[in-house]
PDB file of N, CA and C in Angstrom:
ATOM      1  N   UNK A   1       1.893  -3.470  -7.571  1.00  0.00           N
ATOM      2  CA  UNK A   1       1.420  -2.099  -7.506  1.00  0.00           C
ATOM      3  C   UNK A   1       2.000  -1.320  -8.680  1.00  0.00           C
ATOM      4  N   UNK A   2       1.232  -0.365  -9.124  1.00  0.00           N
ATOM      5  CA  UNK A   2       1.688   0.513 -10.190  1.00  0.00           C
ATOM      6  C   UNK A   2       1.696   1.944  -9.676  1.00  0.00           C
ATOM      7  N   UNK A   3       2.675   2.713 -10.106  1.00  0.00           N
ATOM      8  CA  UNK A   3       2.825   4.097  -9.659  1.00  0.00           C
ATOM      9  C   UNK A   3       1.617   4.914 -10.108  1.00  0.00           C
ATOM     10  N   UNK A   4       1.075   5.703  -9.174  1.00  0.00           N
ATOM     11  CA  UNK A   4      -0.043   6.586  -9.462  1.00  0.00           C
ATOM     12  C   UNK A   4      -1.417   5.990  -9.209  1.00  0.00           C
ATOM     13  N   UNK A   5      -1.505   4.711  -8.917  1.00  0.00           N
ATOM     14  CA  UNK A   5      -2.799   4.078  -8.662  1.00  0.00           C
ATOM     15  C   UNK A   5      -3.045   3.977  -7.160  1.00  0.00           C
ATOM     16  N   UNK A   6      -4.339   3.938  -6.785  1.00  0.00           N
ATOM     17  CA  UNK A   6      -4.739   3.876  -5.370  1.00  0.00           C
ATOM     18  C   UNK A   6      -5.040   2.442  -4.974  1.00  0.00           C
ATOM     19  N   UNK A   7      -4.711   2.115  -3.702  1.00  0.00           N
ATOM     20  CA  UNK A   7      -4.870   0.744  -3.224  1.00  0.00           C
ATOM     21  C   UNK A   7      -5.305   0.715  -1.762  1.00  0.00           C
ATOM     22  N   UNK A   8      -5.916  -0.395  -1.382  1.00  0.00           N
ATOM     23  CA  UNK A   8      -6.035  -0.831   0.007  1.00  0.00           C
ATOM     24  C   UNK A   8      -5.067  -1.997   0.119  1.00  0.00           C
ATOM     25  N   UNK A   9      -4.222  -1.974   1.146  1.00  0.00           N
ATOM     26  CA  UNK A   9      -3.190  -3.003   1.253  1.00  0.00           C
ATOM     27  C   UNK A   9      -3.103  -3.513   2.687  1.00  0.00           C
ATOM     28  N   UNK A  10      -2.948  -4.829   2.824  1.00  0.00           N
ATOM     29  CA  UNK A  10      -2.699  -5.476   4.120  1.00  0.00           C
ATOM     30  C   UNK A  10      -1.319  -6.114   4.016  1.00  0.00           C
ATOM     31  N   UNK A  11      -0.488  -5.892   5.049  1.00  0.00           N
ATOM     32  CA  UNK A  11       0.866  -6.414   4.992  1.00  0.00           C
ATOM     33  C   UNK A  11       1.361  -6.753   6.390  1.00  0.00           C
ATOM     34  N   UNK A  12       2.327  -7.658   6.447  1.00  0.00           N
ATOM     35  CA  UNK A  12       2.883  -8.059   7.738  1.00  0.00           C
ATOM     36  C   UNK A  12       4.046  -7.132   8.083  1.00  0.00           C
ATOM     37  N   UNK A  13       4.117  -6.779   9.379  1.00  0.00           N
ATOM     38  CA  UNK A  13       5.201  -5.912   9.840  1.00  0.00           C
ATOM     39  C   UNK A  13       6.065  -6.603  10.877  1.00  0.00           C
ATOM     40  N   UNK A  14       5.661  -7.752  11.307  1.00  0.00           N
ATOM     41  CA  UNK A  14       6.407  -8.519  12.286  1.00  0.00           C
ATOM     42  C   UNK A  14       5.959  -9.957  12.230  1.00  0.00           C
ATOM     43  N   UNK A  15       6.433 -10.726  13.159  1.00  0.00           N
ATOM     44  CA  UNK A  15       6.099 -12.152  13.153  1.00  0.00           C
ATOM     45  C   UNK A  15       4.598 -12.389  13.301  1.00  0.00           C
ATOM     46  N   UNK A  16       3.939 -11.624  14.170  1.00  0.00           N
ATOM     47  CA  UNK A  16       2.492 -11.791  14.398  1.00  0.00           C
ATOM     48  C   UNK A  16       1.716 -10.503  14.160  1.00  0.00           C
ATOM     49  N   UNK A  17       2.286  -9.549  13.474  1.00  0.00           N
ATOM     50  CA  UNK A  17       1.636  -8.253  13.286  1.00  0.00           C
ATOM     51  C   UNK A  17       1.228  -8.048  11.829  1.00  0.00           C
ATOM     52  N   UNK A  18      -0.001  -7.590  11.654  1.00  0.00           N
ATOM     53  CA  UNK A  18      -0.517  -7.251  10.333  1.00  0.00           C
ATOM     54  C   UNK A  18      -1.034  -5.821  10.399  1.00  0.00           C
ATOM     55  N   UNK A  19      -0.671  -5.013   9.413  1.00  0.00           N
ATOM     56  CA  UNK A  19      -1.151  -3.633   9.355  1.00  0.00           C
ATOM     57  C   UNK A  19      -1.923  -3.436   8.063  1.00  0.00           C
ATOM     58  N   UNK A  20      -2.817  -2.473   8.101  1.00  0.00           N
ATOM     59  CA  UNK A  20      -3.663  -2.154   6.963  1.00  0.00           C
ATOM     60  C   UNK A  20      -3.494  -0.681   6.608  1.00  0.00           C
ATOM     61  N   UNK A  21      -3.400  -0.396   5.334  1.00  0.00           N
ATOM     62  CA  UNK A  21      -3.386   0.980   4.839  1.00  0.00           C
ATOM     63  C   UNK A  21      -4.508   1.087   3.823  1.00  0.00           C
ATOM     64  N   UNK A  22      -5.384   2.058   4.024  1.00  0.00           N
ATOM     65  CA  UNK A  22      -6.515   2.246   3.121  1.00  0.00           C
ATOM     66  C   UNK A  22      -6.330   3.511   2.302  1.00  0.00           C
ATOM     67  N   UNK A  23      -6.684   3.424   1.043  1.00  0.00           N
ATOM     68  CA  UNK A  23      -6.675   4.552   0.121  1.00  0.00           C
ATOM     69  C   UNK A  23      -5.295   5.198   0.039  1.00  0.00           C
ATOM     70  N   UNK A  24      -4.276   4.385  -0.221  1.00  0.00           N
ATOM     71  CA  UNK A  24      -2.922   4.906  -0.405  1.00  0.00           C
ATOM     72  C   UNK A  24      -2.571   4.887  -1.888  1.00  0.00           C
ATOM     73  N   UNK A  25      -1.681   5.786  -2.286  1.00  0.00           N
ATOM     74  CA  UNK A  25      -1.239   5.892  -3.667  1.00  0.00           C
ATOM     75  C   UNK A  25       0.216   5.463  -3.762  1.00  0.00           C
ATOM     76  N   UNK A  26       0.517   4.612  -4.699  1.00  0.00           N
ATOM     77  CA  UNK A  26       1.897   4.179  -4.914  1.00  0.00           C
ATOM     78  C   UNK A  26       2.655   5.330  -5.584  1.00  0.00           C
ATOM     79  N   UNK A  27       3.757   5.779  -4.962  1.00  0.00           N
ATOM     80  CA  UNK A  27       4.517   6.889  -5.516  1.00  0.00           C
ATOM     81  C   UNK A  27       5.912   6.489  -5.979  1.00  0.00           C
ATOM     82  N   UNK A  28       6.416   5.325  -5.535  1.00  0.00           N
ATOM     83  CA  UNK A  28       7.738   4.880  -5.950  1.00  0.00           C
ATOM     84  C   UNK A  28       7.830   3.362  -5.835  1.00  0.00           C
ATOM     85  N   UNK A  29       8.533   2.755  -6.796  1.00  0.00           N
ATOM     86  CA  UNK A  29       8.715   1.310  -6.799  1.00  0.00           C
ATOM     87  C   UNK A  29      10.209   1.021  -6.857  1.00  0.00           C
ATOM     88  N   UNK A  30      10.690   0.192  -5.932  1.00  0.00           N
ATOM     89  CA  UNK A  30      12.084  -0.239  -5.929  1.00  0.00           C
ATOM     90  C   UNK A  30      12.109  -1.756  -6.077  1.00  0.00           C
ATOM     91  N   UNK A  31      13.280  -2.352  -6.240  1.00  0.00           N
ATOM     92  CA  UNK A  31      13.325  -3.819  -6.404  1.00  0.00           C
ATOM     93  C   UNK A  31      12.754  -4.606  -5.222  1.00  0.00           C
ATOM     94  N   UNK A  32      12.753  -4.039  -4.004  1.00  0.00           N
ATOM     95  CA  UNK A  32      12.281  -4.786  -2.841  1.00  0.00           C
ATOM     96  C   UNK A  32      11.096  -4.163  -2.124  1.00  0.00           C
ATOM     97  N   UNK A  33      10.684  -2.940  -2.497  1.00  0.00           N
ATOM     98  CA  UNK A  33       9.599  -2.290  -1.753  1.00  0.00           C
ATOM     99  C   UNK A  33       8.857  -1.268  -2.604  1.00  0.00           C
ATOM    100  N   UNK A  34       7.750  -0.821  -2.050  1.00  0.00           N
ATOM    101  CA  UNK A  34       6.962   0.264  -2.634  1.00  0.00           C
ATOM    102  C   UNK A  34       6.913   1.405  -1.626  1.00  0.00           C
ATOM    103  N   UNK A  35       6.911   2.642  -2.111  1.00  0.00           N
ATOM    104  CA  UNK A  35       6.674   3.806  -1.257  1.00  0.00           C
ATOM    105  C   UNK A  35       5.248   4.235  -1.543  1.00  0.00           C
ATOM    106  N   UNK A  36       4.405   4.241  -0.490  1.00  0.00           N
ATOM    107  CA  UNK A  36       3.005   4.623  -0.657  1.00  0.00           C
ATOM    108  C   UNK A  36       2.740   5.916   0.104  1.00  0.00           C
ATOM    109  N   UNK A  37       1.837   6.716  -0.441  1.00  0.00           N
ATOM    110  CA  UNK A  37       1.478   8.002   0.161  1.00  0.00           C
ATOM    111  C   UNK A  37       0.060   7.918   0.697  1.00  0.00           C
ATOM    112  N   UNK A  38      -0.090   8.272   1.962  1.00  0.00           N
ATOM    113  CA  UNK A  38      -1.407   8.271   2.609  1.00  0.00           C
ATOM    114  C   UNK A  38      -2.163   9.546   2.258  1.00  0.00           C
ATOM    115  N   UNK A  39      -3.446   9.600   2.628  1.00  0.00           N
ATOM    116  CA  UNK A  39      -4.275  10.776   2.354  1.00  0.00           C
ATOM    117  C   UNK A  39      -3.776  12.018   3.078  1.00  0.00           C
ATOM    118  N   UNK A  40      -3.135  11.841   4.258  1.00  0.00           N
ATOM    119  CA  UNK A  40      -2.662  13.002   5.010  1.00  0.00           C
ATOM    120  C   UNK A  40      -1.300  13.504   4.519  1.00  0.00           C
ATOM    121  N   UNK A  41      -0.741  12.886   3.479  1.00  0.00           N
ATOM    122  CA  UNK A  41       0.501  13.343   2.886  1.00  0.00           C
ATOM    123  C   UNK A  41       1.749  12.624   3.371  1.00  0.00           C
ATOM    124  N   UNK A  42       1.638  11.801   4.412  1.00  0.00           N
ATOM    125  CA  UNK A  42       2.798  11.054   4.887  1.00  0.00           C
ATOM    126  C   UNK A  42       3.028   9.837   3.989  1.00  0.00           C
ATOM    127  N   UNK A  43       4.262   9.323   4.014  1.00  0.00           N
ATOM    128  CA  UNK A  43       4.589   8.172   3.184  1.00  0.00           C
ATOM    129  C   UNK A  43       5.073   7.016   4.049  1.00  0.00           C
ATOM    130  N   UNK A  44       5.077   5.831   3.452  1.00  0.00           N
ATOM    131  CA  UNK A  44       5.486   4.629   4.168  1.00  0.00           C
ATOM    132  C   UNK A  44       6.025   3.614   3.174  1.00  0.00           C
ATOM    133  N   UNK A  45       7.011   2.846   3.611  1.00  0.00           N
ATOM    134  CA  UNK A  45       7.532   1.759   2.789  1.00  0.00           C
ATOM    135  C   UNK A  45       6.753   0.480   3.064  1.00  0.00           C
ATOM    136  N   UNK A  46       6.453  -0.253   2.009  1.00  0.00           N
ATOM    137  CA  UNK A  46       5.807  -1.557   2.114  1.00  0.00           C
ATOM    138  C   UNK A  46       6.636  -2.526   1.285  1.00  0.00           C
ATOM    139  N   UNK A  47       7.156  -3.551   1.915  1.00  0.00           N
ATOM    140  CA  UNK A  47       7.985  -4.525   1.214  1.00  0.00           C
ATOM    141  C   UNK A  47       7.184  -5.425   0.300  1.00  0.00           C
ATOM    142  N   UNK A  48       7.763  -5.792  -0.824  1.00  0.00           N
ATOM    143  CA  UNK A  48       7.088  -6.689  -1.772  1.00  0.00           C
ATOM    144  C   UNK A  48       6.685  -7.997  -1.100  1.00  0.00           C
ATOM    145  N   UNK A  49       7.596  -8.582  -0.318  1.00  0.00           N
ATOM    146  CA  UNK A  49       7.357  -9.885   0.293  1.00  0.00           C
ATOM    147  C   UNK A  49       6.376  -9.841   1.457  1.00  0.00           C
ATOM    148  N   UNK A  50       6.101  -8.656   2.007  1.00  0.00           N
ATOM    149  CA  UNK A  50       5.238  -8.567   3.180  1.00  0.00           C
ATOM    150  C   UNK A  50       3.760  -8.370   2.830  1.00  0.00           C
ATOM    151  N   UNK A  51       3.435  -8.126   1.574  1.00  0.00           N
ATOM    152  CA  UNK A  51       2.048  -7.859   1.176  1.00  0.00           C
ATOM    153  C   UNK A  51       1.237  -9.152   1.248  1.00  0.00           C
ATOM    154  N   UNK A  52       0.149  -9.095   2.023  1.00  0.00           N
ATOM    155  CA  UNK A  52      -0.749 -10.243   2.169  1.00  0.00           C
ATOM    156  C   UNK A  52      -1.974 -10.112   1.269  1.00  0.00           C
ATOM    157  N   UNK A  53      -2.489  -8.894   1.138  1.00  0.00           N
ATOM    158  CA  UNK A  53      -3.669  -8.653   0.308  1.00  0.00           C
ATOM    159  C   UNK A  53      -3.562  -7.265  -0.304  1.00  0.00           C
ATOM    160  N   UNK A  54      -3.918  -7.168  -1.570  1.00  0.00           N
ATOM    161  CA  UNK A  54      -3.819  -5.906  -2.293  1.00  0.00           C
ATOM    162  C   UNK A  54      -5.074  -5.730  -3.130  1.00  0.00           C
ATOM    163  N   UNK A  55      -5.733  -4.578  -2.991  1.00  0.00           N
ATOM    164  CA  UNK A  55      -6.937  -4.301  -3.767  1.00  0.00           C
ATOM    165  C   UNK A  55      -6.805  -2.927  -4.400  1.00  0.00           C
ATOM    166  N   UNK A  56      -6.909  -2.880  -5.721  1.00  0.00           N
ATOM    167  CA  UNK A  56      -6.838  -1.604  -6.421  1.00  0.00           C
ATOM    168  C   UNK A  56      -8.191  -0.890  -6.325  1.00  0.00           C
ATOM    169  N   UNK A  57      -8.157   0.400  -6.036  1.00  0.00           N
ATOM    170  CA  UNK A  57      -9.372   1.211  -5.948  1.00  0.00           C
ATOM    171  C   UNK A  57      -9.548   1.955  -7.265  1.00  0.00           C
ATOM    172  N   UNK A  58     -10.741   1.856  -7.824  1.00  0.00           N
ATOM    173  CA  UNK A  58     -10.965   2.482  -9.121  1.00  0.00           C
ATOM    174  C   UNK A  58     -11.933   3.643  -9.088  1.00  0.00           C
ATOM    175  N   UNK A  59     -12.888   3.654  -8.150  1.00  0.00           N
ATOM    176  CA  UNK A  59     -13.877   4.719  -8.113  1.00  0.00           C
ATOM    177  C   UNK A  59     -14.274   5.048  -6.691  1.00  0.00           C
ATOM    178  N   UNK A  60     -15.184   5.974  -6.536  1.00  0.00           N
ATOM    179  CA  UNK A  60     -15.623   6.382  -5.202  1.00  0.00           C
ATOM    180  C   UNK A  60     -16.337   5.266  -4.464  1.00  0.00           C
ATOM    181  N   UNK A  61     -16.950   4.329  -5.175  1.00  0.00           N
ATOM    182  CA  UNK A  61     -17.648   3.228  -4.509  1.00  0.00           C
ATOM    183  C   UNK A  61     -16.685   2.254  -3.838  1.00  0.00           C
ATOM    184  N   UNK A  62     -15.399   2.252  -4.221  1.00  0.00           N
ATOM    185  CA  UNK A  62     -14.409   1.359  -3.630  1.00  0.00           C
ATOM    186  C   UNK A  62     -13.891   1.843  -2.289  1.00  0.00           C
ATOM    187  N   UNK A  63     -14.068   3.117  -1.970  1.00  0.00           N
ATOM    188  CA  UNK A  63     -13.530   3.660  -0.729  1.00  0.00           C
ATOM    189  C   UNK A  63     -14.237   3.041   0.440  1.00  0.00           C
TER     190      UNK A  63
END
């Protein structure tokens, strides 16, 4: 992930749990995680190792 770009991301949160975040913006990158900002303004940490699928959004047709 790169700071300032929008993504759809699927990641594992537990042994059998997968969560999806759509249309989030990467706002911070650390050695082990990314801080992403949702459309409603809340943020969430996503670990580098937990990402299963990552898709960069480039235009309105990607939403």
